[in-house]
Amino acid sequence: MDTPRIALITGAGSGIGRAVARGLLEDGWRVGLLGRRADALHATAAEADSDAVLVLPCDVGDPQAVRAAFDELSRRFGRLDLLFNNAGTGTPQVPLETLDPEVWLNCVNANLNGAFFCTQNAFRIMKSQQPRGGRIINNGSISASTPRPNNAPYTATKHAITGLTKASALDGRAFDIAVGQIDIGNADTEMARPMANGIIQPNGAVMVEPRIPLENVVDAIRYMAGLPLTTNALFLTVLATQQPFVGRG
């Protein structure tokens, strides 16, 4: 019998995180579900075998809490093969000079600091376990390369995720740690559903944008997660074919 692979997914209580967790569980992974709301994590876990999931309520922006969560996963499952850095938050689309500084700080803490703290702890475990190594997939978003109007905090943090991906891919290379990034455009989650009523474009117009089913995102993550550690998908972009992207137009 094959040894189960172990994954940890942040932001696993809803949206992309929940969908990816369920997909990996279907594929036979054991999965740590990390997020701020225990009730949402338990809802994600409800359809799975209790031996295959571990609910880890945690704020990714709290480095001590993150370390404790990774230690608990290591005690329960013995290793870590995959980290999906998915947790994050958006910000209101308002002129940047009017943005409350607390909104900026919260966005940086959730989107960037949290991914770094989780990456630190994944490296710590993956370097020391036998067999050594593992994979980290960062959720970059289309905004990791191309901004939306009035969206500086989210765009800045997602551009920074690209830097984190490249730096940690380099630093992990000698230790069999493969780090890649998936940039997802308009997945059909609660966050994207307001697009059904139209979203502002760079020219000031409001336009309804197409969305893609979550299943397509899950399949892309399955592909990346299933590669041998000798192969890395460094960057993968998945989006609706008709979505404004290059130049946002």
C-alpha atoms as a PDB file:
ATOM      1  CA  MET A   1       0.000   0.000   0.000  1.00  0.00           C
ATOM      2  CA  ASP A   2       1.321   3.439  -0.933  1.00  0.00           C
ATOM      3  CA  THR A   3       2.252   5.792   1.910  1.00  0.00           C
ATOM      4  CA  PRO A   4      -0.351   8.595   2.070  1.00  0.00           C
ATOM      5  CA  ARG A   5       0.815  11.990   0.918  1.00  0.00           C
ATOM      6  CA  ILE A   6       0.326  14.845   3.386  1.00  0.00           C
ATOM      7  CA  ALA A   7      -0.883  18.321   2.427  1.00  0.00           C
ATOM      8  CA  LEU A   8      -1.607  21.502   4.336  1.00  0.00           C
ATOM      9  CA  ILE A   9      -3.985  24.037   2.813  1.00  0.00           C
ATOM     10  CA  THR A  10      -4.409  27.555   4.169  1.00  0.00           C
ATOM     11  CA  GLY A  11      -7.708  29.335   3.715  1.00  0.00           C
ATOM     12  CA  ALA A  12      -9.326  25.904   3.639  1.00  0.00           C
ATOM     13  CA  GLY A  13     -12.678  27.010   5.032  1.00  0.00           C
ATOM     14  CA  SER A  14     -14.140  28.363   1.797  1.00  0.00           C
ATOM     15  CA  GLY A  15     -13.717  28.962  -1.915  1.00  0.00           C
ATOM     16  CA  ILE A  16     -10.610  27.689  -3.648  1.00  0.00           C
ATOM     17  CA  GLY A  17      -9.085  26.296  -0.460  1.00  0.00           C
ATOM     18  CA  ARG A  18     -12.153  24.198   0.349  1.00  0.00           C
ATOM     19  CA  ALA A  19     -12.442  22.932  -3.237  1.00  0.00           C
ATOM     20  CA  VAL A  20      -8.758  21.966  -3.428  1.00  0.00           C
ATOM     21  CA  ALA A  21      -8.942  20.227  -0.044  1.00  0.00           C
ATOM     22  CA  ARG A  22     -11.845  18.110  -1.187  1.00  0.00           C
ATOM     23  CA  GLY A  23     -10.092  17.306  -4.458  1.00  0.00           C
ATOM     24  CA  LEU A  24      -6.913  16.156  -2.722  1.00  0.00           C
ATOM     25  CA  LEU A  25      -8.915  14.106  -0.227  1.00  0.00           C
ATOM     26  CA  GLU A  26     -10.623  12.374  -3.144  1.00  0.00           C
ATOM     27  CA  ASP A  27      -7.150  11.560  -4.482  1.00  0.00           C
ATOM     28  CA  GLY A  28      -6.154   9.884  -1.222  1.00  0.00           C
ATOM     29  CA  TRP A  29      -4.158  12.682   0.404  1.00  0.00           C
ATOM     30  CA  ARG A  30      -4.293  13.375   4.121  1.00  0.00           C
ATOM     31  CA  VAL A  31      -4.955  17.060   4.564  1.00  0.00           C
ATOM     32  CA  GLY A  32      -4.446  19.691   7.230  1.00  0.00           C
ATOM     33  CA  LEU A  33      -7.119  22.374   6.977  1.00  0.00           C
ATOM     34  CA  LEU A  34      -5.858  25.723   8.211  1.00  0.00           C
ATOM     35  CA  GLY A  35      -7.940  28.876   8.549  1.00  0.00           C
ATOM     36  CA  ARG A  36      -9.290  31.414  10.996  1.00  0.00           C
ATOM     37  CA  ARG A  37     -12.817  29.997  11.406  1.00  0.00           C
ATOM     38  CA  ALA A  38     -13.065  26.558  13.004  1.00  0.00           C
ATOM     39  CA  ASP A  39     -16.696  26.144  11.961  1.00  0.00           C
ATOM     40  CA  ALA A  40     -15.847  26.672   8.285  1.00  0.00           C
ATOM     41  CA  LEU A  41     -12.937  24.234   8.500  1.00  0.00           C
ATOM     42  CA  HIS A  42     -15.174  21.593  10.089  1.00  0.00           C
ATOM     43  CA  ALA A  43     -17.660  22.113   7.247  1.00  0.00           C
ATOM     44  CA  THR A  44     -14.861  21.423   4.762  1.00  0.00           C
ATOM     45  CA  ALA A  45     -13.885  18.297   6.699  1.00  0.00           C
ATOM     46  CA  ALA A  46     -17.432  17.006   7.131  1.00  0.00           C
ATOM     47  CA  GLU A  47     -17.493  14.809   4.021  1.00  0.00           C
ATOM     48  CA  ALA A  48     -14.059  13.261   4.621  1.00  0.00           C
ATOM     49  CA  ASP A  49     -12.838  10.347   6.708  1.00  0.00           C
ATOM     50  CA  SER A  50     -11.876  11.853  10.065  1.00  0.00           C
ATOM     51  CA  ASP A  51      -8.530  10.021   9.959  1.00  0.00           C
ATOM     52  CA  ALA A  52      -7.647  11.845   6.742  1.00  0.00           C
ATOM     53  CA  VAL A  53      -8.165  15.422   7.941  1.00  0.00           C
ATOM     54  CA  LEU A  54      -6.824  17.651  10.666  1.00  0.00           C
ATOM     55  CA  VAL A  55      -8.604  20.917  11.467  1.00  0.00           C
ATOM     56  CA  LEU A  56      -6.132  23.667  12.392  1.00  0.00           C
ATOM     57  CA  PRO A  57      -7.816  26.954  13.370  1.00  0.00           C
ATOM     58  CA  CYS A  58      -5.108  29.578  12.936  1.00  0.00           C
ATOM     59  CA  ASP A  59      -4.491  33.146  11.804  1.00  0.00           C
ATOM     60  CA  VAL A  60      -1.704  32.894   9.216  1.00  0.00           C
ATOM     61  CA  GLY A  61      -0.520  36.365  10.208  1.00  0.00           C
ATOM     62  CA  ASP A  62       0.435  35.137  13.703  1.00  0.00           C
ATOM     63  CA  PRO A  63       3.884  33.489  13.451  1.00  0.00           C
ATOM     64  CA  GLN A  64       3.618  31.648  16.782  1.00  0.00           C
ATOM     65  CA  ALA A  65       0.203  30.238  15.909  1.00  0.00           C
ATOM     66  CA  VAL A  66       1.471  29.162  12.478  1.00  0.00           C
ATOM     67  CA  ARG A  67       4.426  27.315  13.984  1.00  0.00           C
ATOM     68  CA  ALA A  68       2.137  25.549  16.461  1.00  0.00           C
ATOM     69  CA  ALA A  69      -0.221  24.486  13.657  1.00  0.00           C
ATOM     70  CA  PHE A  70       2.617  23.043  11.559  1.00  0.00           C
ATOM     71  CA  ASP A  71       3.982  21.223  14.595  1.00  0.00           C
ATOM     72  CA  GLU A  72       0.562  19.721  15.244  1.00  0.00           C
ATOM     73  CA  LEU A  73       0.297  18.535  11.631  1.00  0.00           C
ATOM     74  CA  SER A  74       3.766  16.997  11.859  1.00  0.00           C
ATOM     75  CA  ARG A  75       2.855  15.166  15.069  1.00  0.00           C
ATOM     76  CA  ARG A  76      -0.374  13.855  13.565  1.00  0.00           C
ATOM     77  CA  PHE A  77       0.800  12.814  10.096  1.00  0.00           C
ATOM     78  CA  GLY A  78       4.582  12.563  10.469  1.00  0.00           C
ATOM     79  CA  ARG A  79       5.594  14.683   7.463  1.00  0.00           C
ATOM     80  CA  LEU A  80       4.521  17.365   4.980  1.00  0.00           C
ATOM     81  CA  ASP A  81       4.552  16.801   1.214  1.00  0.00           C
ATOM     82  CA  LEU A  82       2.556  19.797  -0.011  1.00  0.00           C
ATOM     83  CA  LEU A  83       1.760  23.289   1.245  1.00  0.00           C
ATOM     84  CA  PHE A  84      -0.854  25.284  -0.655  1.00  0.00           C
ATOM     85  CA  ASN A  85      -0.455  28.919   0.417  1.00  0.00           C
ATOM     86  CA  ASN A  86      -3.970  30.017  -0.427  1.00  0.00           C
ATOM     87  CA  ALA A  87      -5.198  32.201   2.455  1.00  0.00           C
ATOM     88  CA  GLY A  88      -5.714  35.843   1.624  1.00  0.00           C
ATOM     89  CA  THR A  89      -8.040  38.791   1.609  1.00  0.00           C
ATOM     90  CA  GLY A  90      -9.099  41.500  -0.793  1.00  0.00           C
ATOM     91  CA  THR A  91      -9.585  45.210  -0.202  1.00  0.00           C
ATOM     92  CA  PRO A  92     -12.233  47.709  -1.296  1.00  0.00           C
ATOM     93  CA  GLN A  93     -11.692  49.180  -4.746  1.00  0.00           C
ATOM     94  CA  VAL A  94     -11.254  52.788  -3.652  1.00  0.00           C
ATOM     95  CA  PRO A  95      -8.743  55.501  -4.561  1.00  0.00           C
ATOM     96  CA  LEU A  96      -5.526  54.590  -2.744  1.00  0.00           C
ATOM     97  CA  GLU A  97      -5.258  57.959  -0.998  1.00  0.00           C
ATOM     98  CA  THR A  98      -8.555  57.270   0.766  1.00  0.00           C
ATOM     99  CA  LEU A  99      -7.697  53.750   1.948  1.00  0.00           C
ATOM    100  CA  ASP A 100      -7.635  53.221   5.722  1.00  0.00           C
ATOM    101  CA  PRO A 101      -4.052  52.246   6.712  1.00  0.00           C
ATOM    102  CA  GLU A 102      -5.467  49.383   8.792  1.00  0.00           C
ATOM    103  CA  VAL A 103      -6.951  47.878   5.626  1.00  0.00           C
ATOM    104  CA  TRP A 104      -3.498  47.982   4.005  1.00  0.00           C
ATOM    105  CA  LEU A 105      -1.848  46.380   7.042  1.00  0.00           C
ATOM    106  CA  ASN A 106      -4.473  43.635   7.289  1.00  0.00           C
ATOM    107  CA  CYS A 107      -4.060  42.830   3.594  1.00  0.00           C
ATOM    108  CA  VAL A 108      -0.258  42.633   3.872  1.00  0.00           C
ATOM    109  CA  ASN A 109      -0.517  40.450   6.973  1.00  0.00           C
ATOM    110  CA  ALA A 110      -2.968  37.992   5.440  1.00  0.00           C
ATOM    111  CA  ASN A 111      -1.625  37.837   1.887  1.00  0.00           C
ATOM    112  CA  LEU A 112       2.133  38.215   2.293  1.00  0.00           C
ATOM    113  CA  ASN A 113       3.202  37.732   5.905  1.00  0.00           C
ATOM    114  CA  GLY A 114       1.026  34.655   6.235  1.00  0.00           C
ATOM    115  CA  ALA A 115       2.464  33.036   3.116  1.00  0.00           C
ATOM    116  CA  PHE A 116       5.991  33.737   4.363  1.00  0.00           C
ATOM    117  CA  PHE A 117       5.365  32.336   7.851  1.00  0.00           C
ATOM    118  CA  CYS A 118       3.832  29.184   6.374  1.00  0.00           C
ATOM    119  CA  THR A 119       6.690  28.814   3.889  1.00  0.00           C
ATOM    120  CA  GLN A 120       9.222  29.135   6.730  1.00  0.00           C
ATOM    121  CA  ASN A 121       7.600  26.296   8.647  1.00  0.00           C
ATOM    122  CA  ALA A 122       7.181  24.127   5.570  1.00  0.00           C
ATOM    123  CA  PHE A 123      10.907  24.518   4.836  1.00  0.00           C
ATOM    124  CA  ARG A 124      11.723  23.619   8.443  1.00  0.00           C
ATOM    125  CA  ILE A 125       9.770  20.356   8.204  1.00  0.00           C
ATOM    126  CA  MET A 126      10.596  19.456   4.604  1.00  0.00           C
ATOM    127  CA  LYS A 127      14.353  19.877   5.109  1.00  0.00           C
ATOM    128  CA  SER A 128      14.423  17.589   8.145  1.00  0.00           C
ATOM    129  CA  GLN A 129      12.037  14.794   7.156  1.00  0.00           C
ATOM    130  CA  GLN A 130      12.916  11.541   5.410  1.00  0.00           C
ATOM    131  CA  PRO A 131      12.516  11.282   2.478  1.00  0.00           C
ATOM    132  CA  ARG A 132      13.558  14.925   2.326  1.00  0.00           C
ATOM    133  CA  GLY A 133      11.726  17.635   0.413  1.00  0.00           C
ATOM    134  CA  GLY A 134       8.234  18.550  -0.671  1.00  0.00           C
ATOM    135  CA  ARG A 135       6.266  21.043  -2.744  1.00  0.00           C
ATOM    136  CA  ILE A 136       4.860  24.493  -2.057  1.00  0.00           C
ATOM    137  CA  ILE A 137       2.232  26.073  -4.309  1.00  0.00           C
ATOM    138  CA  ASN A 138       1.470  29.773  -3.825  1.00  0.00           C
ATOM    139  CA  ASN A 139      -1.832  31.280  -4.902  1.00  0.00           C
ATOM    140  CA  GLY A 140      -0.615  34.319  -6.776  1.00  0.00           C
ATOM    141  CA  SER A 141      -3.739  35.567  -8.593  1.00  0.00           C
ATOM    142  CA  ILE A 142      -3.875  37.401 -11.907  1.00  0.00           C
ATOM    143  CA  SER A 143      -3.032  40.506  -9.861  1.00  0.00           C
ATOM    144  CA  ALA A 144       0.438  39.056  -9.286  1.00  0.00           C
ATOM    145  CA  SER A 145       1.289  40.462 -12.708  1.00  0.00           C
ATOM    146  CA  THR A 146      -1.543  42.775 -13.801  1.00  0.00           C
ATOM    147  CA  PRO A 147      -3.518  45.104 -11.494  1.00  0.00           C
ATOM    148  CA  ARG A 148      -7.145  46.041 -11.394  1.00  0.00           C
ATOM    149  CA  PRO A 149      -8.076  49.709 -10.919  1.00  0.00           C
ATOM    150  CA  ASN A 150      -8.036  51.029  -7.345  1.00  0.00           C
ATOM    151  CA  ASN A 151      -6.559  47.817  -5.985  1.00  0.00           C
ATOM    152  CA  ALA A 152      -3.044  48.763  -4.856  1.00  0.00           C
ATOM    153  CA  PRO A 153      -2.879  46.749  -1.589  1.00  0.00           C
ATOM    154  CA  TYR A 154      -3.994  43.452  -3.111  1.00  0.00           C
ATOM    155  CA  THR A 155      -1.840  43.996  -6.204  1.00  0.00           C
ATOM    156  CA  ALA A 156       1.246  44.873  -4.167  1.00  0.00           C
ATOM    157  CA  THR A 157       0.930  41.789  -1.969  1.00  0.00           C
ATOM    158  CA  LYS A 158       0.372  39.501  -4.935  1.00  0.00           C
ATOM    159  CA  HIS A 159       3.351  40.941  -6.810  1.00  0.00           C
ATOM    160  CA  ALA A 160       5.324  40.213  -3.638  1.00  0.00           C
ATOM    161  CA  ILE A 161       4.098  36.615  -3.692  1.00  0.00           C
ATOM    162  CA  THR A 162       5.806  36.266  -7.080  1.00  0.00           C
ATOM    163  CA  GLY A 163       9.058  37.394  -5.465  1.00  0.00           C
ATOM    164  CA  LEU A 164       8.534  34.958  -2.610  1.00  0.00           C
ATOM    165  CA  THR A 165       7.887  32.156  -5.097  1.00  0.00           C
ATOM    166  CA  LYS A 166      11.103  32.833  -7.004  1.00  0.00           C
ATOM    167  CA  ALA A 167      13.241  33.284  -3.880  1.00  0.00           C
ATOM    168  CA  SER A 168      11.930  30.200  -2.098  1.00  0.00           C
ATOM    169  CA  ALA A 169      12.179  28.123  -5.287  1.00  0.00           C
ATOM    170  CA  LEU A 170      15.861  29.067  -5.392  1.00  0.00           C
ATOM    171  CA  ASP A 171      16.430  28.492  -1.678  1.00  0.00           C
ATOM    172  CA  GLY A 172      14.576  25.185  -1.714  1.00  0.00           C
ATOM    173  CA  ARG A 173      16.296  23.756  -4.765  1.00  0.00           C
ATOM    174  CA  ALA A 174      19.201  22.214  -2.859  1.00  0.00           C
ATOM    175  CA  PHE A 175      16.817  20.514  -0.435  1.00  0.00           C
ATOM    176  CA  ASP A 176      14.375  18.922  -2.921  1.00  0.00           C
ATOM    177  CA  ILE A 177      11.731  21.547  -2.183  1.00  0.00           C
ATOM    178  CA  ALA A 178       9.887  22.582  -5.357  1.00  0.00           C
ATOM    179  CA  VAL A 179       8.071  25.921  -5.165  1.00  0.00           C
ATOM    180  CA  GLY A 180       5.606  27.118  -7.783  1.00  0.00           C
ATOM    181  CA  GLN A 181       2.778  29.599  -8.210  1.00  0.00           C
ATOM    182  CA  ILE A 182      -0.702  29.367  -9.667  1.00  0.00           C
ATOM    183  CA  ASP A 183      -2.276  32.595 -10.911  1.00  0.00           C
ATOM    184  CA  ILE A 184      -6.046  32.149 -10.989  1.00  0.00           C
ATOM    185  CA  GLY A 185      -8.424  34.426 -12.838  1.00  0.00           C
ATOM    186  CA  ASN A 186     -12.088  34.739 -11.909  1.00  0.00           C
ATOM    187  CA  ALA A 187     -12.695  31.384 -10.264  1.00  0.00           C
ATOM    188  CA  ASP A 188     -16.376  31.014  -9.394  1.00  0.00           C
ATOM    189  CA  THR A 189     -16.149  31.690  -5.659  1.00  0.00           C
ATOM    190  CA  GLU A 190     -18.090  33.985  -3.351  1.00  0.00           C
ATOM    191  CA  MET A 191     -15.321  36.571  -3.784  1.00  0.00           C
ATOM    192  CA  ALA A 192     -15.825  36.607  -7.568  1.00  0.00           C
ATOM    193  CA  ARG A 193     -19.631  36.511  -7.670  1.00  0.00           C
ATOM    194  CA  PRO A 194     -20.062  40.307  -7.601  1.00  0.00           C
ATOM    195  CA  MET A 195     -18.548  40.180 -11.098  1.00  0.00           C
ATOM    196  CA  ALA A 196     -21.949  38.921 -12.235  1.00  0.00           C
ATOM    197  CA  ASN A 197     -23.177  42.496 -11.656  1.00  0.00           C
ATOM    198  CA  GLY A 198     -20.155  44.027 -13.378  1.00  0.00           C
ATOM    199  CA  ILE A 199     -16.733  45.180 -12.213  1.00  0.00           C
ATOM    200  CA  ILE A 200     -14.888  48.397 -12.986  1.00  0.00           C
ATOM    201  CA  GLN A 201     -12.387  48.312 -15.861  1.00  0.00           C
ATOM    202  CA  PRO A 202      -9.286  50.483 -16.454  1.00  0.00           C
ATOM    203  CA  ASN A 203     -11.235  52.764 -18.808  1.00  0.00           C
ATOM    204  CA  GLY A 204     -13.859  53.422 -16.126  1.00  0.00           C
ATOM    205  CA  ALA A 205     -16.514  51.208 -17.677  1.00  0.00           C
ATOM    206  CA  VAL A 206     -18.297  48.539 -15.653  1.00  0.00           C
ATOM    207  CA  MET A 207     -18.330  45.144 -17.329  1.00  0.00           C
ATOM    208  CA  VAL A 208     -19.552  41.676 -16.445  1.00  0.00           C
ATOM    209  CA  GLU A 209     -16.567  39.302 -16.573  1.00  0.00           C
ATOM    210  CA  PRO A 210     -16.692  35.564 -17.271  1.00  0.00           C
ATOM    211  CA  ARG A 211     -15.774  33.106 -14.520  1.00  0.00           C
ATOM    212  CA  ILE A 212     -14.401  29.564 -14.503  1.00  0.00           C
ATOM    213  CA  PRO A 213     -15.682  26.584 -12.495  1.00  0.00           C
ATOM    214  CA  LEU A 214     -13.759  25.707  -9.365  1.00  0.00           C
ATOM    215  CA  GLU A 215     -13.254  22.212 -10.770  1.00  0.00           C
ATOM    216  CA  ASN A 216     -10.866  23.655 -13.373  1.00  0.00           C
ATOM    217  CA  VAL A 217      -8.752  25.217 -10.628  1.00  0.00           C
ATOM    218  CA  VAL A 218      -8.739  21.984  -8.634  1.00  0.00           C
ATOM    219  CA  ASP A 219      -7.542  20.064 -11.691  1.00  0.00           C
ATOM    220  CA  ALA A 220      -4.676  22.536 -12.169  1.00  0.00           C
ATOM    221  CA  ILE A 221      -3.590  22.155  -8.538  1.00  0.00           C
ATOM    222  CA  ARG A 222      -3.822  18.374  -8.867  1.00  0.00           C
ATOM    223  CA  TYR A 223      -1.505  18.579 -11.854  1.00  0.00           C
ATOM    224  CA  MET A 224       1.061  20.685 -10.009  1.00  0.00           C
ATOM    225  CA  ALA A 225       0.824  18.588  -6.841  1.00  0.00           C
ATOM    226  CA  GLY A 226       1.220  15.343  -8.755  1.00  0.00           C
ATOM    227  CA  LEU A 227       4.526  16.196 -10.414  1.00  0.00           C
ATOM    228  CA  PRO A 228       7.656  14.423  -9.164  1.00  0.00           C
ATOM    229  CA  LEU A 229       9.977  16.665  -7.150  1.00  0.00           C
ATOM    230  CA  THR A 230      12.454  16.542 -10.036  1.00  0.00           C
ATOM    231  CA  THR A 231       9.957  18.617 -12.058  1.00  0.00           C
ATOM    232  CA  ASN A 232       8.459  21.980 -11.130  1.00  0.00           C
ATOM    233  CA  ALA A 233       5.635  24.027 -12.608  1.00  0.00           C
ATOM    234  CA  LEU A 234       7.134  27.364 -11.583  1.00  0.00           C
ATOM    235  CA  PHE A 235       4.210  29.476 -12.851  1.00  0.00           C
ATOM    236  CA  LEU A 236       0.808  28.392 -14.146  1.00  0.00           C
ATOM    237  CA  THR A 237      -2.003  30.763 -15.153  1.00  0.00           C
ATOM    238  CA  VAL A 238      -5.603  29.526 -15.256  1.00  0.00           C
ATOM    239  CA  LEU A 239      -8.359  31.942 -16.260  1.00  0.00           C
ATOM    240  CA  ALA A 240     -11.513  32.359 -18.275  1.00  0.00           C
ATOM    241  CA  THR A 241     -10.631  32.565 -21.972  1.00  0.00           C
ATOM    242  CA  GLN A 242     -12.641  35.774 -22.425  1.00  0.00           C
ATOM    243  CA  GLN A 243     -11.444  37.435 -19.207  1.00  0.00           C
ATOM    244  CA  PRO A 244      -9.764  40.834 -19.653  1.00  0.00           C
ATOM    245  CA  PHE A 245      -6.190  40.204 -18.593  1.00  0.00           C
ATOM    246  CA  VAL A 246      -3.274  41.431 -20.711  1.00  0.00           C
ATOM    247  CA  GLY A 247      -3.521  45.182 -20.173  1.00  0.00           C
ATOM    248  CA  ARG A 248      -6.844  44.473 -18.493  1.00  0.00           C
ATOM    249  CA  GLY A 249      -8.472  45.098 -21.815  1.00  0.00           C
END
